[in-house]
Amino acid sequence: MTAKEWEQALERLSSRLETMHIARYVELLDNPRRLIYLNLLAGLFRGVGMGVGFTLIGAALLYVLKASFMQHLPYVGKVVADIVRIVQLELARRP
């Protein structure tokens, strides 16, 4: 490669590094306190976000299950009665 080609390759590499913000990343790695602080903050927000998301999804799921349960209540009663009957028969067979 000629000197001109090397210079052009370095210019392209330099512009790519600038667009990737490598300098900011290296600066962050040089400051461990800031890195720990940012990671702690990111973890805290992720945890809160997961908690809120799980709560909302869980509440929606419980609402749907409750509505479904109320519509099928007679069937559930029949199933429970069958289970009780089976248990009573098994207990009657024991000496």
Protein backbone atom coordinates (compact mmCIF):
# COMPACT_ATOMS: atom_id res chain seq x y z
CA MET A 1 0.00 0.00 0.00
CA THR A 2 1.13 3.46 -0.70
CA ALA A 3 1.30 6.24 1.85
CA LYS A 4 -1.82 7.84 0.33
CA GLU A 5 -3.80 4.58 0.65
CA TRP A 6 -2.67 4.19 4.27
CA GLU A 7 -3.75 7.74 4.99
CA GLN A 8 -7.18 7.13 3.43
CA ALA A 9 -7.60 3.88 5.37
CA LEU A 10 -6.70 5.64 8.61
CA GLU A 11 -9.16 8.43 7.82
CA ARG A 12 -11.94 5.88 7.25
CA LEU A 13 -11.04 4.08 10.46
CA SER A 14 -10.94 7.34 12.37
CA SER A 15 -14.35 8.41 11.10
CA ARG A 16 -15.84 5.01 11.96
CA LEU A 17 -14.41 5.19 15.49
CA GLU A 18 -15.88 8.65 15.91
CA THR A 19 -19.32 7.48 14.83
CA MET A 20 -19.07 4.56 17.28
CA HIS A 21 -18.17 6.95 20.15
CA ILE A 22 -15.17 4.83 21.12
CA ALA A 23 -13.58 7.81 22.86
CA ARG A 24 -16.54 8.06 25.26
CA TYR A 25 -16.36 4.35 25.98
CA VAL A 26 -12.62 4.48 26.70
CA GLU A 27 -13.17 7.53 28.91
CA LEU A 28 -15.86 5.62 30.80
CA LEU A 29 -13.53 2.64 31.30
CA ASP A 30 -10.90 4.98 32.72
CA ASN A 31 -13.32 6.12 35.43
CA PRO A 32 -14.39 3.01 37.41
CA ARG A 33 -16.55 4.96 39.87
CA ARG A 34 -18.68 6.38 37.06
CA LEU A 35 -18.87 2.96 35.41
CA ILE A 36 -20.09 1.35 38.63
CA TYR A 37 -22.57 4.17 39.20
CA LEU A 38 -24.00 3.91 35.68
CA ASN A 39 -24.25 0.12 35.88
CA LEU A 40 -25.95 0.34 39.27
CA LEU A 41 -28.42 2.89 37.93
CA ALA A 42 -29.10 0.82 34.81
CA GLY A 43 -29.69 -2.30 36.92
CA LEU A 44 -32.02 -0.41 39.23
CA PHE A 45 -34.11 0.86 36.33
CA ARG A 46 -34.19 -2.58 34.71
CA GLY A 47 -35.40 -4.10 37.98
CA VAL A 48 -38.10 -1.48 38.46
CA GLY A 49 -39.18 -1.88 34.83
CA MET A 50 -39.43 -5.64 35.17
CA GLY A 51 -41.38 -5.27 38.40
CA VAL A 52 -43.87 -2.85 36.87
CA GLY A 53 -44.17 -4.93 33.71
CA PHE A 54 -44.70 -8.15 35.63
CA THR A 55 -47.32 -6.47 37.80
CA LEU A 56 -49.27 -5.16 34.81
CA ILE A 57 -49.10 -8.44 32.90
CA GLY A 58 -49.98 -10.42 36.03
CA ALA A 59 -52.96 -8.17 36.78
CA ALA A 60 -54.23 -8.53 33.21
CA LEU A 61 -53.81 -12.30 33.38
CA LEU A 62 -55.65 -12.51 36.71
CA TYR A 63 -58.47 -10.39 35.31
CA VAL A 64 -58.86 -12.70 32.31
CA LEU A 65 -58.69 -15.82 34.51
CA LYS A 66 -61.28 -14.37 36.90
CA ALA A 67 -63.67 -13.57 34.04
CA SER A 68 -63.14 -17.05 32.59
CA PHE A 69 -63.63 -18.71 35.99
CA MET A 70 -66.90 -16.89 36.58
CA GLN A 71 -68.27 -18.08 33.24
CA HIS A 72 -67.30 -21.70 33.91
CA LEU A 73 -68.22 -21.86 37.60
CA PRO A 74 -70.81 -24.68 37.24
CA TYR A 75 -68.22 -26.86 35.49
CA VAL A 76 -65.66 -26.17 38.20
CA GLY A 77 -68.19 -27.16 40.87
CA LYS A 78 -68.83 -30.45 39.09
CA VAL A 79 -65.09 -31.19 38.90
CA VAL A 80 -64.64 -30.42 42.62
CA ALA A 81 -67.62 -32.65 43.48
CA ASP A 82 -66.10 -35.49 41.43
CA ILE A 83 -62.76 -35.09 43.23
CA VAL A 84 -64.49 -35.17 46.64
CA ARG A 85 -66.43 -38.29 45.62
CA ILE A 86 -63.23 -40.05 44.49
CA VAL A 87 -61.44 -39.16 47.72
CA GLN A 88 -64.38 -40.43 49.81
CA LEU A 89 -64.41 -43.72 47.90
CA GLU A 90 -60.68 -44.17 48.44
CA LEU A 91 -61.01 -43.42 52.14
CA ALA A 92 -63.90 -45.92 52.45
CA ARG A 93 -61.71 -48.67 50.92
CA ARG A 94 -58.96 -48.27 53.49
CA PRO A 95 -59.17 -50.57 56.53
